[in-house]
Amino acid sequence: MHVRIEQFAFKAGMEAKGVVLLRDHLEFLAKVHGCLRAYVAAPVHGPTHIVYSEWETEAELDRLEATLRMNPAASSAFFGLMGIVQSPPHVARFEVLP
């Protein structure tokens, strides 16, 4: 299993709009073949929200990322977030160890 974590730090006053877009992005991820589950998490302390998703295989995660690069309209929410974050989101991938 593979995990993708996206971290978004919103500009001041943009949190409410950002959360709506994160939920839209989450709905998109949940429908992509190979996504086992996905969550949006709000910070306990600090400005960074995350989108956490689990994937059956690395190949399916590769396909997701290729889709996002080649077709910005695929998840319009992801690209909508770019105008309201402090800096580009940090995206990391992990392989879950047995």
N, C-alpha and C. Protein backbone atom coordinates (compact mmCIF):
# COMPACT_ATOMS: atom_id res chain seq x y z
N MET A 1 0.86 -1.18 0.00
CA MET A 1 0.00 0.00 0.00
C MET A 1 0.90 1.24 0.00
N HIS A 2 0.42 2.29 -0.67
CA HIS A 2 1.12 3.56 -0.74
C HIS A 2 0.24 4.67 -0.19
N VAL A 3 0.88 5.69 0.35
CA VAL A 3 0.18 6.81 0.95
C VAL A 3 0.65 8.09 0.28
N ARG A 4 -0.27 8.99 0.04
CA ARG A 4 0.04 10.32 -0.49
C ARG A 4 -0.48 11.33 0.51
N ILE A 5 0.39 12.27 0.90
CA ILE A 5 0.01 13.32 1.83
C ILE A 5 0.27 14.66 1.16
N GLU A 6 -0.77 15.49 1.14
CA GLU A 6 -0.67 16.84 0.58
C GLU A 6 -0.90 17.81 1.73
N GLN A 7 0.01 18.78 1.89
CA GLN A 7 -0.10 19.76 2.97
C GLN A 7 -0.38 21.14 2.36
N PHE A 8 -1.40 21.80 2.88
CA PHE A 8 -1.80 23.11 2.39
C PHE A 8 -1.84 24.10 3.55
N ALA A 9 -1.10 25.20 3.42
CA ALA A 9 -1.13 26.28 4.42
C ALA A 9 -1.84 27.47 3.75
N PHE A 10 -3.02 27.80 4.23
CA PHE A 10 -3.84 28.84 3.61
C PHE A 10 -3.39 30.23 4.00
N LYS A 11 -3.60 31.16 3.06
CA LYS A 11 -3.40 32.57 3.36
C LYS A 11 -4.42 32.99 4.42
N ALA A 12 -4.10 34.03 5.16
CA ALA A 12 -5.01 34.54 6.19
C ALA A 12 -6.38 34.83 5.59
N GLY A 13 -7.41 34.39 6.28
CA GLY A 13 -8.78 34.63 5.86
C GLY A 13 -9.30 33.69 4.78
N MET A 14 -8.50 32.75 4.33
CA MET A 14 -8.91 31.87 3.24
C MET A 14 -9.24 30.44 3.70
N GLU A 15 -9.22 30.21 5.00
CA GLU A 15 -9.42 28.86 5.52
C GLU A 15 -10.77 28.26 5.14
N ALA A 16 -11.84 29.05 5.29
CA ALA A 16 -13.18 28.52 5.00
C ALA A 16 -13.31 28.12 3.53
N LYS A 17 -12.86 28.98 2.63
CA LYS A 17 -12.89 28.65 1.20
C LYS A 17 -11.99 27.44 0.92
N GLY A 18 -10.84 27.41 1.58
CA GLY A 18 -9.90 26.32 1.37
C GLY A 18 -10.46 24.97 1.79
N VAL A 19 -11.15 24.94 2.90
CA VAL A 19 -11.72 23.67 3.38
C VAL A 19 -12.76 23.14 2.39
N VAL A 20 -13.56 24.02 1.82
CA VAL A 20 -14.54 23.60 0.81
C VAL A 20 -13.82 22.98 -0.38
N LEU A 21 -12.74 23.62 -0.85
CA LEU A 21 -11.99 23.08 -1.98
C LEU A 21 -11.29 21.77 -1.62
N LEU A 22 -10.79 21.66 -0.39
CA LEU A 22 -10.16 20.41 0.04
C LEU A 22 -11.18 19.27 0.03
N ARG A 23 -12.39 19.54 0.47
CA ARG A 23 -13.42 18.50 0.45
C ARG A 23 -13.79 18.09 -0.97
N ASP A 24 -13.81 19.06 -1.88
CA ASP A 24 -14.06 18.75 -3.29
C ASP A 24 -12.93 17.89 -3.86
N HIS A 25 -11.71 18.26 -3.53
CA HIS A 25 -10.55 17.48 -3.98
C HIS A 25 -10.61 16.07 -3.40
N LEU A 26 -11.02 15.95 -2.16
CA LEU A 26 -11.16 14.65 -1.52
C LEU A 26 -12.18 13.79 -2.25
N GLU A 27 -13.30 14.36 -2.64
CA GLU A 27 -14.31 13.62 -3.40
C GLU A 27 -13.74 13.11 -4.71
N PHE A 28 -12.94 13.95 -5.38
CA PHE A 28 -12.29 13.53 -6.62
C PHE A 28 -11.38 12.33 -6.35
N LEU A 29 -10.52 12.43 -5.35
CA LEU A 29 -9.59 11.34 -5.03
C LEU A 29 -10.32 10.04 -4.73
N ALA A 30 -11.38 10.13 -3.95
CA ALA A 30 -12.11 8.94 -3.52
C ALA A 30 -12.70 8.17 -4.70
N LYS A 31 -12.93 8.87 -5.83
CA LYS A 31 -13.51 8.22 -7.01
C LYS A 31 -12.47 7.63 -7.95
N VAL A 32 -11.20 7.96 -7.73
CA VAL A 32 -10.14 7.49 -8.62
C VAL A 32 -9.87 6.01 -8.34
N HIS A 33 -9.77 5.22 -9.42
CA HIS A 33 -9.49 3.79 -9.27
C HIS A 33 -8.19 3.59 -8.49
N GLY A 34 -8.25 2.74 -7.49
CA GLY A 34 -7.08 2.42 -6.69
C GLY A 34 -7.00 3.15 -5.37
N CYS A 35 -7.83 4.19 -5.19
CA CYS A 35 -7.84 4.91 -3.92
C CYS A 35 -8.64 4.08 -2.91
N LEU A 36 -7.97 3.67 -1.86
CA LEU A 36 -8.62 2.86 -0.83
C LEU A 36 -9.42 3.71 0.14
N ARG A 37 -8.86 4.86 0.51
CA ARG A 37 -9.55 5.80 1.39
C ARG A 37 -8.82 7.12 1.35
N ALA A 38 -9.53 8.17 1.72
CA ALA A 38 -8.93 9.50 1.73
C ALA A 38 -9.60 10.33 2.83
N TYR A 39 -8.82 11.21 3.41
CA TYR A 39 -9.30 12.06 4.51
C TYR A 39 -8.77 13.47 4.34
N VAL A 40 -9.51 14.44 4.85
CA VAL A 40 -9.02 15.80 5.04
C VAL A 40 -8.84 15.96 6.55
N ALA A 41 -7.72 16.55 6.94
CA ALA A 41 -7.47 16.77 8.36
C ALA A 41 -7.14 18.24 8.60
N ALA A 42 -7.75 18.79 9.65
CA ALA A 42 -7.51 20.18 10.04
C ALA A 42 -6.45 20.19 11.13
N PRO A 43 -5.71 21.28 11.22
CA PRO A 43 -4.65 21.35 12.22
C PRO A 43 -5.22 21.50 13.63
N VAL A 44 -4.56 20.86 14.57
CA VAL A 44 -4.87 21.08 15.98
C VAL A 44 -4.24 22.41 16.40
N HIS A 45 -2.98 22.60 16.00
CA HIS A 45 -2.25 23.85 16.23
C HIS A 45 -1.50 24.15 14.95
N GLY A 46 -1.66 25.34 14.42
CA GLY A 46 -0.93 25.71 13.21
C GLY A 46 -1.85 25.87 12.03
N PRO A 47 -1.28 26.29 10.89
CA PRO A 47 -2.10 26.65 9.73
C PRO A 47 -2.25 25.57 8.67
N THR A 48 -1.60 24.44 8.81
CA THR A 48 -1.53 23.48 7.72
C THR A 48 -2.62 22.42 7.78
N HIS A 49 -3.40 22.32 6.70
CA HIS A 49 -4.37 21.24 6.52
C HIS A 49 -3.72 20.17 5.67
N ILE A 50 -4.18 18.93 5.81
CA ILE A 50 -3.64 17.87 4.96
C ILE A 50 -4.77 17.09 4.29
N VAL A 51 -4.41 16.53 3.15
CA VAL A 51 -5.24 15.52 2.49
C VAL A 51 -4.39 14.25 2.49
N TYR A 52 -4.92 13.22 3.11
CA TYR A 52 -4.24 11.93 3.26
C TYR A 52 -5.00 10.92 2.41
N SER A 53 -4.28 10.20 1.55
CA SER A 53 -4.96 9.17 0.76
C SER A 53 -4.11 7.90 0.70
N GLU A 54 -4.79 6.76 0.68
CA GLU A 54 -4.14 5.45 0.61
C GLU A 54 -4.45 4.84 -0.75
N TRP A 55 -3.43 4.17 -1.34
CA TRP A 55 -3.53 3.63 -2.69
C TRP A 55 -3.11 2.18 -2.70
N GLU A 56 -3.81 1.38 -3.51
CA GLU A 56 -3.50 -0.05 -3.60
C GLU A 56 -2.08 -0.27 -4.10
N THR A 57 -1.70 0.43 -5.16
CA THR A 57 -0.38 0.22 -5.76
C THR A 57 0.26 1.55 -6.11
N GLU A 58 1.56 1.52 -6.28
CA GLU A 58 2.28 2.72 -6.70
C GLU A 58 1.88 3.12 -8.12
N ALA A 59 1.58 2.14 -8.97
CA ALA A 59 1.18 2.44 -10.35
C ALA A 59 -0.11 3.27 -10.37
N GLU A 60 -1.05 2.97 -9.49
CA GLU A 60 -2.30 3.74 -9.45
C GLU A 60 -2.04 5.16 -8.95
N LEU A 61 -1.13 5.29 -8.02
CA LEU A 61 -0.73 6.61 -7.54
C LEU A 61 -0.03 7.39 -8.65
N ASP A 62 0.81 6.71 -9.42
CA ASP A 62 1.46 7.34 -10.58
C ASP A 62 0.42 7.85 -11.57
N ARG A 63 -0.61 7.04 -11.83
CA ARG A 63 -1.67 7.44 -12.77
C ARG A 63 -2.42 8.68 -12.27
N LEU A 64 -2.70 8.71 -10.97
CA LEU A 64 -3.35 9.89 -10.40
C LEU A 64 -2.51 11.13 -10.66
N GLU A 65 -1.24 11.06 -10.32
CA GLU A 65 -0.38 12.23 -10.45
C GLU A 65 -0.21 12.64 -11.91
N ALA A 66 -0.14 11.68 -12.81
CA ALA A 66 -0.07 12.00 -14.23
C ALA A 66 -1.35 12.70 -14.69
N THR A 67 -2.48 12.23 -14.21
CA THR A 67 -3.77 12.86 -14.54
C THR A 67 -3.81 14.29 -14.06
N LEU A 68 -3.35 14.54 -12.84
CA LEU A 68 -3.36 15.90 -12.30
C LEU A 68 -2.44 16.81 -13.11
N ARG A 69 -1.30 16.29 -13.57
CA ARG A 69 -0.37 17.10 -14.36
C ARG A 69 -0.90 17.39 -15.77
N MET A 70 -1.47 16.37 -16.40
CA MET A 70 -1.87 16.50 -17.79
C MET A 70 -3.26 17.11 -17.98
N ASN A 71 -4.12 17.01 -16.96
CA ASN A 71 -5.48 17.48 -17.09
C ASN A 71 -5.88 18.28 -15.84
N PRO A 72 -5.53 19.56 -15.81
CA PRO A 72 -5.85 20.38 -14.63
C PRO A 72 -7.33 20.39 -14.28
N ALA A 73 -8.20 20.13 -15.25
CA ALA A 73 -9.64 20.12 -14.97
C ALA A 73 -10.08 18.85 -14.25
N ALA A 74 -9.21 17.84 -14.20
CA ALA A 74 -9.58 16.58 -13.55
C ALA A 74 -9.99 16.82 -12.11
N SER A 75 -9.18 17.56 -11.38
CA SER A 75 -9.55 17.98 -10.03
C SER A 75 -9.41 19.49 -9.99
N SER A 76 -10.43 20.17 -10.45
CA SER A 76 -10.37 21.63 -10.50
C SER A 76 -10.15 22.21 -9.10
N ALA A 77 -10.60 21.48 -8.07
CA ALA A 77 -10.41 21.96 -6.70
C ALA A 77 -8.93 22.04 -6.35
N PHE A 78 -8.13 21.05 -6.79
CA PHE A 78 -6.69 21.05 -6.48
C PHE A 78 -6.05 22.31 -7.02
N PHE A 79 -6.34 22.66 -8.26
CA PHE A 79 -5.74 23.85 -8.85
C PHE A 79 -6.38 25.13 -8.34
N GLY A 80 -7.63 25.05 -7.92
CA GLY A 80 -8.27 26.20 -7.29
C GLY A 80 -7.61 26.58 -5.97
N LEU A 81 -7.03 25.59 -5.32
CA LEU A 81 -6.35 25.83 -4.04
C LEU A 81 -5.08 26.66 -4.22
N MET A 82 -4.48 26.62 -5.41
CA MET A 82 -3.18 27.27 -5.62
C MET A 82 -3.22 28.77 -5.37
N GLY A 83 -4.35 29.41 -5.61
CA GLY A 83 -4.45 30.85 -5.41
C GLY A 83 -4.67 31.28 -3.98
N ILE A 84 -4.96 30.33 -3.10
CA ILE A 84 -5.28 30.72 -1.71
C ILE A 84 -4.34 30.13 -0.67
N VAL A 85 -3.25 29.52 -1.14
CA VAL A 85 -2.26 28.97 -0.20
C VAL A 85 -1.05 29.89 -0.12
N GLN A 86 -0.34 29.80 1.00
CA GLN A 86 0.84 30.64 1.22
C GLN A 86 1.97 30.30 0.27
N SER A 87 2.08 29.02 -0.09
CA SER A 87 3.11 28.54 -1.00
C SER A 87 2.59 27.25 -1.63
N PRO A 88 3.23 26.76 -2.69
CA PRO A 88 2.75 25.50 -3.28
C PRO A 88 2.66 24.40 -2.22
N PRO A 89 1.67 23.52 -2.35
CA PRO A 89 1.51 22.47 -1.34
C PRO A 89 2.71 21.53 -1.34
N HIS A 90 3.01 21.02 -0.18
CA HIS A 90 4.03 19.98 -0.07
C HIS A 90 3.31 18.66 -0.29
N VAL A 91 3.80 17.87 -1.24
CA VAL A 91 3.21 16.56 -1.54
C VAL A 91 4.29 15.50 -1.33
N ALA A 92 3.95 14.49 -0.55
CA ALA A 92 4.90 13.41 -0.28
C ALA A 92 4.21 12.08 -0.46
N ARG A 93 5.01 11.09 -0.88
CA ARG A 93 4.52 9.73 -1.07
C ARG A 93 5.30 8.79 -0.14
N PHE A 94 4.60 7.77 0.34
CA PHE A 94 5.21 6.80 1.23
C PHE A 94 4.75 5.41 0.87
N GLU A 95 5.58 4.45 1.13
CA GLU A 95 5.19 3.05 1.02
C GLU A 95 5.01 2.52 2.44
N VAL A 96 3.87 1.92 2.70
CA VAL A 96 3.59 1.38 4.03
C VAL A 96 4.38 0.08 4.17
N LEU A 97 5.16 -0.01 5.22
CA LEU A 97 5.98 -1.19 5.45
C LEU A 97 5.17 -2.30 6.11
N PRO A 98 5.51 -3.55 5.79
CA PRO A 98 4.78 -4.67 6.41
C PRO A 98 5.12 -4.79 7.88
